[in-house]
């Protein structure tokens, strides 16, 4: 499509994708949800038909999807979008260093315009990577003005969003019941494209002060997302408090849930709650081992998320690949400990793609709208196609191709609500230059506010001392390069 045709499509002219391998994620359509050499017809904001060689209305725009994979837009259920303003800054952090930076030292410096800047850039990087729905776990909202800035960015950006309102520097039982926040909720423009949740954690204080926040969520009709099972921060006591007070249910998403007991997993499963797994985060920061192997055993619904761009990549291709690999690694390690061998993988690529689509929709309560390419649902879809890439041919196992072969650079076309936001590998919606300029201002502000020494120390934490294990073996005839330390025998030994 040329720019004029994209404009016409966004004004409601029908669009048909021809000749793709279509992963509908709907088992009632095609062979186990797959339509080979398939077409998808979109009109307005909805998927109209899925099949082969579809008859379409006169004047329908056509997208050649042959050789590509067409699938529902991916859904990220936990992304701290505001932290994108400092993308990559914390690449070498541990979780405790993250907490010190944002919770104890530099978190208060972020102004409303900094929240907006991070959200603008994060929204664009999401749709660029085929993530059409993002839950913004926005815990940098120190004031309602910060909340307004976050909202402004989301409603002016291409994509479908849920703003999970949080305040890492405040007490949730207080700010959720303040007059200012209640007024914010009253004027929040909730729609199918923009939702609202509450985001707060349960500290395991036996007095359960968070009860007031849960009560506010129920009164306001808002779902809750909470970091649970985070080593050293939230634990089984947090889950038990929620359960004993009657605040566990299908409207709650537990983020990470990586260091919980069997009892906690059973409580989550029995209540119908879901877990948002951020594998790159759990592997690197230390919340616990990515828990999908445990969630599968307990029948808990799974969705995927990327957590924060201050550390990691912000696309769900990375999330799917890391999650499948971590789950299989855990299975092998457990088997090896019993002197056994895994001969059949329990977790398959298809299930991980399901977590990135259907699982996310279910976790957000949006599965009636998105998550599958089902006629009548919203046209949030992604075409993965890159004829210049040797890695995308042949497409024999489409789910395996999505998980292990594809990446953000292979996202050809993205539609959200039937609107074209990316085509032929380039964003055609949003203002990337403006978003980059806003983030540039935030970076300069943060750097000057912190000072050069603190800025450098924050980005490059001191390395721990590593003690080498003594090596009883020496190699007298081997000479390493000048920049490598090689153990050498003493002169007397060589004699």
Protein backbone atom coordinates (compact mmCIF):
# COMPACT_ATOMS: atom_id res chain seq x y z
CA UNK A 1 0.00 0.00 0.00
CA UNK A 2 1.17 3.52 -0.78
CA UNK A 3 0.54 6.45 1.62
CA UNK A 4 -2.76 7.32 -0.06
CA UNK A 5 -3.98 3.74 0.23
CA UNK A 6 -2.92 3.58 3.88
CA UNK A 7 -4.96 6.71 4.50
CA UNK A 8 -7.93 5.15 2.72
CA UNK A 9 -7.58 1.96 4.77
CA UNK A 10 -7.54 4.02 7.94
CA UNK A 11 -10.71 5.74 6.77
CA UNK A 12 -12.51 2.39 6.55
CA UNK A 13 -11.70 1.03 3.09
CA UNK A 14 -11.51 -2.79 3.33
CA UNK A 15 -8.08 -4.47 3.41
CA UNK A 16 -7.36 -8.10 2.62
CA UNK A 17 -4.13 -9.95 3.41
CA UNK A 18 -3.54 -12.63 0.78
CA UNK A 19 -1.63 -15.91 0.89
CA UNK A 20 -0.25 -15.97 4.44
CA UNK A 21 0.22 -18.74 6.93
CA UNK A 22 -2.48 -17.51 9.29
CA UNK A 23 -2.14 -18.32 12.99
CA UNK A 24 -5.66 -17.49 14.11
CA UNK A 25 -5.10 -18.79 17.68
CA UNK A 26 -8.75 -19.86 17.41
CA UNK A 27 -8.98 -23.68 17.28
CA UNK A 28 -12.36 -23.43 15.57
CA UNK A 29 -10.85 -21.80 12.47
CA UNK A 30 -8.70 -23.76 10.05
CA UNK A 31 -6.74 -26.86 10.96
CA UNK A 32 -6.05 -26.49 14.70
CA UNK A 33 -6.16 -22.73 14.29
CA UNK A 34 -3.85 -22.56 11.26
CA UNK A 35 -4.97 -21.56 7.76
CA UNK A 36 -2.27 -22.26 5.15
CA UNK A 37 -2.21 -19.99 2.09
CA UNK A 38 -4.86 -18.02 3.92
CA UNK A 39 -6.54 -14.65 3.62
CA UNK A 40 -7.82 -12.27 6.28
CA UNK A 41 -10.33 -9.55 5.42
CA UNK A 42 -10.49 -6.43 7.56
CA UNK A 43 -13.14 -3.74 7.34
CA UNK A 44 -13.38 -0.84 9.70
CA UNK A 45 -12.07 -1.89 13.11
CA UNK A 46 -12.91 -5.59 12.78
CA UNK A 47 -11.81 -8.87 11.28
CA UNK A 48 -14.59 -9.78 8.81
CA UNK A 49 -13.46 -13.13 7.41
CA UNK A 50 -10.64 -15.68 7.56
CA UNK A 51 -10.18 -18.37 4.93
CA UNK A 52 -8.66 -19.22 1.57
CA UNK A 53 -9.16 -17.16 -1.57
CA UNK A 54 -11.80 -14.98 0.03
CA UNK A 55 -14.27 -13.03 -2.06
CA UNK A 56 -13.92 -9.39 -1.07
CA UNK A 57 -15.84 -6.16 -1.77
CA UNK A 58 -14.94 -4.18 -4.85
CA UNK A 59 -12.22 -1.66 -4.12
CA UNK A 60 -10.63 -3.71 -1.33
CA UNK A 61 -6.95 -2.96 -0.83
CA UNK A 62 -4.68 -5.99 -1.04
CA UNK A 63 -1.54 -6.77 0.93
CA UNK A 64 0.66 -9.55 -0.47
CA UNK A 65 1.28 -11.68 2.59
CA UNK A 66 2.63 -14.70 0.72
CA UNK A 67 5.58 -16.28 2.47
CA UNK A 68 4.62 -14.50 5.66
CA UNK A 69 2.92 -15.36 8.94
CA UNK A 70 -0.20 -13.44 9.92
CA UNK A 71 -1.12 -13.58 13.60
CA UNK A 72 -2.98 -11.63 16.28
CA UNK A 73 -1.21 -8.63 17.70
CA UNK A 74 0.91 -9.56 20.71
CA UNK A 75 -0.06 -8.41 24.19
CA UNK A 76 2.38 -7.26 26.89
CA UNK A 77 0.82 -7.44 30.36
CA UNK A 78 3.53 -5.65 32.36
CA UNK A 79 5.73 -2.88 30.99
CA UNK A 80 7.02 0.13 32.93
CA UNK A 81 6.70 2.40 29.94
CA UNK A 82 7.91 5.56 31.66
CA UNK A 83 11.32 3.99 32.26
CA UNK A 84 11.94 3.78 28.52
CA UNK A 85 13.23 7.35 28.84
CA UNK A 86 16.42 5.82 30.32
CA UNK A 87 16.59 2.89 27.92
CA UNK A 88 19.50 0.55 28.63
CA UNK A 89 20.82 2.62 31.54
CA UNK A 90 20.49 -0.25 34.02
CA UNK A 91 21.84 -3.05 31.82
CA UNK A 92 24.20 -4.21 34.58
CA UNK A 93 21.88 -3.74 37.56
CA UNK A 94 20.62 -6.26 40.04
CA UNK A 95 17.09 -5.89 41.39
CA UNK A 96 18.38 -4.25 44.56
CA UNK A 97 20.24 -1.64 42.49
CA UNK A 98 17.01 -0.97 40.57
CA UNK A 99 15.17 -0.47 43.86
CA UNK A 100 17.85 1.88 45.17
CA UNK A 101 17.81 3.97 42.00
CA UNK A 102 14.05 4.41 41.62
CA UNK A 103 12.64 3.88 45.11
CA UNK A 104 15.31 5.38 47.37
CA UNK A 105 17.36 7.91 45.44
CA UNK A 106 16.43 9.17 41.97
CA UNK A 107 12.78 8.22 41.50
CA UNK A 108 11.45 11.55 42.81
CA UNK A 109 13.28 13.54 40.13
CA UNK A 110 10.96 12.39 37.31
CA UNK A 111 8.58 15.16 36.29
CA UNK A 112 5.22 14.70 34.55
CA UNK A 113 6.84 15.54 31.19
CA UNK A 114 9.40 12.78 31.79
CA UNK A 115 6.64 10.23 32.32
CA UNK A 116 5.01 11.41 29.10
CA UNK A 117 8.28 11.23 27.17
CA UNK A 118 8.99 7.64 28.22
CA UNK A 119 5.45 6.59 27.37
CA UNK A 120 5.57 8.17 23.92
CA UNK A 121 8.71 6.32 22.90
CA UNK A 122 7.65 3.09 24.57
CA UNK A 123 4.29 3.11 22.77
CA UNK A 124 6.01 3.39 19.40
CA UNK A 125 8.56 0.67 20.12
CA UNK A 126 5.71 -1.62 21.16
CA UNK A 127 3.72 -1.40 17.93
CA UNK A 128 6.94 -1.43 15.91
CA UNK A 129 7.61 -4.90 17.37
CA UNK A 130 4.08 -6.17 16.80
CA UNK A 131 2.84 -5.58 20.34
CA UNK A 132 -0.59 -4.08 19.75
CA UNK A 133 -1.79 -4.04 23.39
CA UNK A 134 0.38 -2.95 26.31
CA UNK A 135 -0.36 -2.73 30.00
CA UNK A 136 1.55 0.29 31.26
CA UNK A 137 2.59 -0.66 34.82
CA UNK A 138 2.95 3.01 35.60
CA UNK A 139 4.29 3.19 39.15
CA UNK A 140 6.04 6.53 38.64
CA UNK A 141 2.84 8.54 39.12
CA UNK A 142 3.77 10.56 42.18
CA UNK A 143 0.95 13.02 41.57
CA UNK A 144 -2.23 13.15 39.53
CA UNK A 145 -0.35 15.51 37.19
CA UNK A 146 2.04 12.64 36.48
CA UNK A 147 -1.00 10.47 35.80
CA UNK A 148 -2.41 13.01 33.37
CA UNK A 149 0.92 13.06 31.52
CA UNK A 150 0.94 9.26 31.23
CA UNK A 151 -2.63 9.30 29.96
CA UNK A 152 -1.94 12.03 27.42
CA UNK A 153 0.89 10.00 25.89
CA UNK A 154 -1.17 6.82 25.63
CA UNK A 155 -4.27 8.30 24.10
CA UNK A 156 -2.27 10.15 21.45
CA UNK A 157 -0.13 7.12 20.53
CA UNK A 158 -0.88 4.28 18.12
CA UNK A 159 -1.78 1.12 19.99
CA UNK A 160 -4.18 -0.32 22.53
CA UNK A 161 -3.27 0.38 26.14
CA UNK A 162 -4.25 -0.28 29.73
CA UNK A 163 -2.90 2.27 32.19
CA UNK A 164 -2.16 0.48 35.46
CA UNK A 165 -1.97 3.45 37.80
CA UNK A 166 0.65 3.21 40.55
CA UNK A 167 2.83 5.33 42.80
CA UNK A 168 6.02 3.69 44.03
CA UNK A 169 6.62 6.56 46.46
CA UNK A 170 3.15 6.52 48.03
CA UNK A 171 0.99 4.24 50.17
CA UNK A 172 -1.63 2.60 47.92
CA UNK A 173 -4.30 2.58 50.60
CA UNK A 174 -3.90 6.36 50.77
CA UNK A 175 -3.55 7.49 47.15
CA UNK A 176 -6.30 5.17 45.87
CA UNK A 177 -8.73 6.83 48.26
CA UNK A 178 -7.64 10.45 47.77
CA UNK A 179 -10.08 12.95 46.32
CA UNK A 180 -7.60 13.83 43.57
CA UNK A 181 -7.24 10.24 42.39
CA UNK A 182 -10.99 9.59 42.55
CA UNK A 183 -11.56 12.66 40.37
CA UNK A 184 -8.92 11.35 37.93
CA UNK A 185 -10.77 8.04 37.69
CA UNK A 186 -14.07 9.82 37.09
CA UNK A 187 -12.70 11.73 34.10
CA UNK A 188 -10.56 8.91 32.70
CA UNK A 189 -11.73 8.30 29.11
CA UNK A 190 -12.16 4.54 29.34
CA UNK A 191 -12.80 2.81 26.03
CA UNK A 192 -12.01 -0.41 24.18
CA UNK A 193 -8.67 1.14 23.22
CA UNK A 194 -7.79 2.61 26.61
CA UNK A 195 -8.37 0.87 29.93
CA UNK A 196 -7.52 1.55 33.57
CA UNK A 197 -6.28 -0.71 36.36
CA UNK A 198 -4.62 -0.32 39.75
CA UNK A 199 -0.96 -1.28 40.21
CA UNK A 200 0.42 -1.82 43.71
CA UNK A 201 2.27 -4.45 45.73
CA UNK A 202 1.47 -6.26 48.99
CA UNK A 203 4.34 -5.95 51.46
CA UNK A 204 3.30 -8.81 53.83
CA UNK A 205 2.73 -6.42 56.73
CA UNK A 206 0.45 -8.51 59.02
CA UNK A 207 -1.81 -5.47 59.45
CA UNK A 208 -2.56 -5.71 55.69
CA UNK A 209 -2.77 -1.97 55.04
CA UNK A 210 -3.25 -2.72 51.33
CA UNK A 211 -6.81 -3.77 52.16
CA UNK A 212 -7.89 -0.18 51.54
CA UNK A 213 -6.46 -0.27 48.02
CA UNK A 214 -8.21 -3.55 47.20
CA UNK A 215 -11.46 -2.14 48.50
CA UNK A 216 -10.97 0.92 46.31
CA UNK A 217 -10.41 -1.34 43.28
CA UNK A 218 -13.68 -3.13 43.92
CA UNK A 219 -15.58 0.08 44.48
CA UNK A 220 -14.20 1.57 41.27
CA UNK A 221 -14.59 -1.62 39.22
CA UNK A 222 -10.87 -1.83 38.44
CA UNK A 223 -8.68 -4.88 37.97
CA UNK A 224 -5.45 -5.16 39.99
CA UNK A 225 -1.92 -6.03 38.91
CA UNK A 226 0.65 -6.73 41.63
CA UNK A 227 4.29 -7.86 41.80
CA UNK A 228 4.21 -11.18 43.64
CA UNK A 229 6.81 -13.82 44.39
CA UNK A 230 9.70 -11.36 44.05
CA UNK A 231 12.65 -12.67 46.05
CA UNK A 232 13.33 -10.40 49.03
CA UNK A 233 10.32 -8.14 48.36
CA UNK A 234 6.97 -9.95 48.11
CA UNK A 235 6.38 -13.51 49.24
CA UNK A 236 3.92 -16.20 50.32
CA UNK A 237 2.76 -14.08 53.25
CA UNK A 238 1.55 -11.48 50.75
CA UNK A 239 -0.50 -14.11 48.91
CA UNK A 240 -1.96 -15.51 52.14
CA UNK A 241 -3.02 -12.03 53.30
CA UNK A 242 -4.79 -11.42 50.01
CA UNK A 243 -6.45 -14.82 50.19
CA UNK A 244 -7.50 -14.63 53.85
CA UNK A 245 -9.12 -11.23 53.27
CA UNK A 246 -10.95 -12.34 50.13
CA UNK A 247 -9.04 -10.29 47.56
CA UNK A 248 -7.88 -13.02 45.20
CA UNK A 249 -9.86 -13.55 42.02
CA UNK A 250 -9.74 -13.66 38.21
CA UNK A 251 -9.44 -9.87 38.16
CA UNK A 252 -5.93 -10.04 39.69
CA UNK A 253 -2.69 -10.53 37.75
CA UNK A 254 0.42 -11.60 39.66
CA UNK A 255 3.62 -10.31 38.05
CA UNK A 256 6.66 -12.62 38.18
CA UNK A 257 5.32 -15.08 40.82
CA UNK A 258 8.79 -16.61 40.63
CA UNK A 259 9.57 -17.47 44.27
CA UNK A 260 6.33 -18.79 45.71
CA UNK A 261 5.38 -22.02 47.47
CA UNK A 262 3.03 -24.71 46.24
CA UNK A 263 0.39 -23.34 48.60
CA UNK A 264 0.54 -19.90 46.95
CA UNK A 265 0.32 -21.35 43.45
CA UNK A 266 -2.67 -23.39 44.52
CA UNK A 267 -4.39 -20.28 45.90
CA UNK A 268 -3.78 -18.40 42.64
CA UNK A 269 -5.06 -21.34 40.58
CA UNK A 270 -8.17 -21.80 42.71
CA UNK A 271 -9.04 -18.10 42.48
CA UNK A 272 -8.67 -17.94 38.69
CA UNK A 273 -5.85 -15.42 38.82
CA UNK A 274 -3.23 -15.16 36.07
CA UNK A 275 0.54 -14.65 36.12
CA UNK A 276 2.54 -12.27 33.95
CA UNK A 277 5.94 -13.85 33.32
CA UNK A 278 8.89 -11.57 32.45
CA UNK A 279 11.54 -14.18 31.75
CA UNK A 280 14.41 -11.87 30.81
CA UNK A 281 13.76 -9.95 34.01
CA UNK A 282 13.51 -12.98 36.27
CA UNK A 283 16.62 -14.53 34.77
CA UNK A 284 18.69 -11.36 35.13
CA UNK A 285 17.36 -9.41 38.11
CA UNK A 286 16.80 -12.25 40.56
CA UNK A 287 13.07 -12.39 41.31
CA UNK A 288 13.39 -16.17 41.08
CA UNK A 289 13.58 -18.77 38.34
CA UNK A 290 11.02 -18.03 35.58
CA UNK A 291 8.00 -19.93 36.92
CA UNK A 292 6.24 -21.31 33.83
CA UNK A 293 7.26 -24.87 34.76
CA UNK A 294 5.37 -24.40 38.04
CA UNK A 295 2.44 -22.51 36.54
CA UNK A 296 1.86 -25.31 34.03
CA UNK A 297 1.69 -27.90 36.81
CA UNK A 298 -0.93 -25.88 38.66
CA UNK A 299 -3.03 -24.91 35.65
CA UNK A 300 -2.48 -21.16 36.09
CA UNK A 301 -3.10 -18.86 33.15
CA UNK A 302 0.09 -17.31 31.75
CA UNK A 303 0.77 -14.09 29.88
CA UNK A 304 4.11 -12.60 28.85
CA UNK A 305 5.74 -9.25 29.50
CA UNK A 306 9.01 -7.41 29.07
CA UNK A 307 9.10 -5.43 32.34
CA UNK A 308 11.30 -2.42 31.52
CA UNK A 309 13.52 -1.06 28.77
CA UNK A 310 15.84 0.39 31.39
CA UNK A 311 17.27 -3.14 31.37
CA UNK A 312 16.00 -5.37 28.60
CA UNK A 313 14.70 -5.62 25.09
CA UNK A 314 11.13 -4.44 24.71
CA UNK A 315 9.66 -6.96 22.30
CA UNK A 316 7.81 -10.21 22.85
CA UNK A 317 9.92 -12.16 20.37
CA UNK A 318 12.65 -12.00 23.00
CA UNK A 319 10.14 -12.89 25.69
CA UNK A 320 8.84 -15.93 23.85
CA UNK A 321 12.31 -17.21 23.02
CA UNK A 322 13.62 -16.71 26.55
CA UNK A 323 10.53 -18.25 28.14
CA UNK A 324 10.56 -21.42 26.05
CA UNK A 325 14.30 -21.84 26.62
CA UNK A 326 14.08 -21.24 30.38
CA UNK A 327 11.22 -23.69 30.83
CA UNK A 328 13.00 -26.42 28.90
CA UNK A 329 16.26 -25.72 30.72
CA UNK A 330 14.49 -26.19 34.06
CA UNK A 331 13.04 -29.50 32.89
CA UNK A 332 16.47 -30.76 31.84
CA UNK A 333 18.14 -29.65 35.07
CA UNK A 334 15.47 -31.38 37.16
CA UNK A 335 15.86 -34.56 35.13
CA UNK A 336 19.65 -34.52 35.34
CA UNK A 337 19.46 -34.17 39.12
CA UNK A 338 17.59 -37.49 39.13
CA UNK A 339 20.06 -39.04 36.66
CA UNK A 340 17.34 -39.05 34.02
CA UNK A 341 16.97 -37.67 30.49
CA UNK A 342 14.12 -35.60 29.08
CA UNK A 343 12.98 -37.34 25.91
CA UNK A 344 9.86 -35.25 25.17
CA UNK A 345 9.48 -31.49 25.70
CA UNK A 346 6.41 -30.58 27.75
CA UNK A 347 6.24 -26.95 26.62
CA UNK A 348 5.80 -26.31 22.91
CA UNK A 349 6.32 -23.23 20.76
CA UNK A 350 2.60 -23.02 20.05
CA UNK A 351 1.77 -22.61 23.73
CA UNK A 352 4.28 -19.79 24.14
CA UNK A 353 2.78 -17.94 21.16
CA UNK A 354 -0.62 -18.49 22.80
CA UNK A 355 0.67 -16.88 26.01
CA UNK A 356 1.86 -13.87 23.98
CA UNK A 357 -1.60 -13.41 22.44
CA UNK A 358 -4.59 -15.18 23.97
CA UNK A 359 -3.00 -15.35 27.42
CA UNK A 360 -2.44 -11.62 27.46
CA UNK A 361 -5.99 -10.90 26.35
CA UNK A 362 -7.38 -13.11 29.10
CA UNK A 363 -5.17 -11.53 31.76
CA UNK A 364 -6.41 -8.05 30.83
CA UNK A 365 -10.05 -9.07 30.50
CA UNK A 366 -9.95 -8.22 26.79
CA UNK A 367 -10.36 -11.69 25.27
CA UNK A 368 -13.79 -10.71 23.96
CA UNK A 369 -12.04 -8.06 21.83
CA UNK A 370 -8.56 -9.26 20.92
CA UNK A 371 -6.12 -12.17 21.15
CA UNK A 372 -7.39 -14.24 18.21
CA UNK A 373 -8.09 -13.62 14.54
CA UNK A 374 -11.77 -14.43 14.88
CA UNK A 375 -14.38 -12.71 12.68
CA UNK A 376 -16.09 -10.05 14.74
CA UNK A 377 -13.08 -9.34 16.95
CA UNK A 378 -11.02 -6.19 16.61
CA UNK A 379 -8.50 -6.11 13.80
CA UNK A 380 -5.30 -6.12 15.85
CA UNK A 381 -2.94 -8.14 13.71
CA UNK A 382 0.69 -8.55 12.75
CA UNK A 383 2.22 -9.68 9.47
CA UNK A 384 5.67 -11.22 9.91
CA UNK A 385 7.29 -11.16 6.47
CA UNK A 386 10.80 -10.41 5.34
CA UNK A 387 11.68 -11.68 1.88
CA UNK A 388 15.26 -10.45 2.33
CA UNK A 389 15.84 -12.66 5.37
CA UNK A 390 17.16 -16.20 4.91
CA UNK A 391 15.86 -17.02 8.41
CA UNK A 392 12.21 -16.80 7.40
CA UNK A 393 12.31 -19.45 4.70
CA UNK A 394 11.01 -22.11 4.65
CA UNK A 395 8.10 -21.75 7.09
CA UNK A 396 7.62 -25.40 8.04
CA UNK A 397 6.69 -25.02 11.72
CA UNK A 398 5.06 -21.57 11.90
CA UNK A 399 4.98 -21.39 15.70
CA UNK A 400 8.63 -22.38 15.84
CA UNK A 401 9.42 -19.72 13.24
CA UNK A 402 7.70 -17.04 15.32
CA UNK A 403 9.48 -18.03 18.52
CA UNK A 404 12.97 -18.97 17.36
CA UNK A 405 13.51 -17.36 13.96
CA UNK A 406 11.61 -14.05 13.78
CA UNK A 407 12.39 -10.69 15.36
CA UNK A 408 11.17 -7.10 15.44
CA UNK A 409 12.92 -6.41 12.15
CA UNK A 410 10.66 -8.95 10.45
CA UNK A 411 7.44 -7.17 11.42
CA UNK A 412 6.13 -6.04 8.06
CA UNK A 413 2.66 -4.69 8.81
CA UNK A 414 0.75 -3.96 12.02
CA UNK A 415 -2.91 -3.03 12.39
CA UNK A 416 -4.55 -1.82 15.59
CA UNK A 417 -8.33 -1.49 15.60
CA UNK A 418 -8.15 -1.87 11.83
CA UNK A 419 -5.80 1.09 11.44
CA UNK A 420 -2.44 0.60 9.72
CA UNK A 421 0.31 1.72 12.11
CA UNK A 422 3.26 -0.01 10.44
CA UNK A 423 3.70 -1.09 6.84
CA UNK A 424 6.58 -2.54 4.85
CA UNK A 425 8.78 -2.43 7.93
CA UNK A 426 8.25 1.24 8.78
CA UNK A 427 6.05 3.03 11.30
CA UNK A 428 3.35 5.04 9.55
CA UNK A 429 1.65 6.36 12.69
CA UNK A 430 2.87 8.40 15.63
CA UNK A 431 5.64 10.96 15.71
CA UNK A 432 8.92 9.20 16.38
CA UNK A 433 11.02 12.35 16.03
CA UNK A 434 8.93 14.16 18.63
CA UNK A 435 9.11 11.19 21.01
CA UNK A 436 12.89 11.00 20.65
CA UNK A 437 13.21 14.73 21.24
CA UNK A 438 11.12 14.50 24.42
CA UNK A 439 13.20 11.61 25.71
CA UNK A 440 16.39 13.51 24.85
CA UNK A 441 15.24 16.33 27.11
CA UNK A 442 14.52 13.87 29.91
CA UNK A 443 17.96 12.30 29.59
CA UNK A 444 19.64 15.71 29.80
CA UNK A 445 17.48 16.66 32.77
CA UNK A 446 18.22 13.43 34.63
CA UNK A 447 21.93 13.63 33.94
CA UNK A 448 22.24 17.22 35.07
CA UNK A 449 20.06 16.64 38.14
CA UNK A 450 22.06 13.61 39.24
CA UNK A 451 25.46 15.03 38.39
CA UNK A 452 28.11 13.32 36.29
CA UNK A 453 29.54 11.20 39.09
CA UNK A 454 26.20 9.80 40.22
CA UNK A 455 25.13 9.33 36.61
CA UNK A 456 28.23 7.28 35.81
CA UNK A 457 28.11 5.30 39.07
CA UNK A 458 24.44 4.47 38.48
CA UNK A 459 25.14 3.13 35.02
CA UNK A 460 28.28 1.22 36.02
CA UNK A 461 27.83 -0.43 39.45
CA UNK A 462 30.99 -1.56 41.18
CA UNK A 463 32.01 -5.09 40.25
CA UNK A 464 32.03 -7.63 43.09
CA UNK A 465 35.31 -9.30 43.98
CA UNK A 466 35.61 -12.69 42.31
CA UNK A 467 37.84 -15.30 43.92
CA UNK A 468 39.28 -17.78 41.47
CA UNK A 469 39.26 -21.47 42.33
CA UNK A 470 42.84 -22.78 42.60
CA UNK A 471 43.75 -24.92 39.59
CA UNK A 472 45.94 -27.99 40.30
CA UNK A 473 46.83 -28.32 36.63
CA UNK A 474 49.67 -26.44 34.98
CA UNK A 475 50.79 -26.38 31.39
CA UNK A 476 54.52 -25.79 30.94
CA UNK A 477 54.49 -25.94 27.15
CA UNK A 478 51.54 -23.60 26.57
CA UNK A 479 52.06 -19.87 26.07
CA UNK A 480 48.93 -17.76 26.08
CA UNK A 481 48.50 -14.36 24.51
CA UNK A 482 49.92 -11.39 26.35
CA UNK A 483 46.53 -10.21 27.57
CA UNK A 484 45.52 -13.56 29.14
CA UNK A 485 46.55 -14.84 32.54
CA UNK A 486 47.92 -18.36 32.31
CA UNK A 487 49.04 -20.33 35.37
CA UNK A 488 52.78 -21.05 35.26
CA UNK A 489 55.00 -23.40 37.25
CA UNK A 490 57.65 -21.97 39.45
CA UNK A 491 61.24 -22.12 38.05
CA UNK A 492 62.20 -24.86 40.54
CA UNK A 493 59.30 -27.03 39.37
CA UNK A 494 60.32 -26.60 35.74
CA UNK A 495 63.83 -27.75 36.56
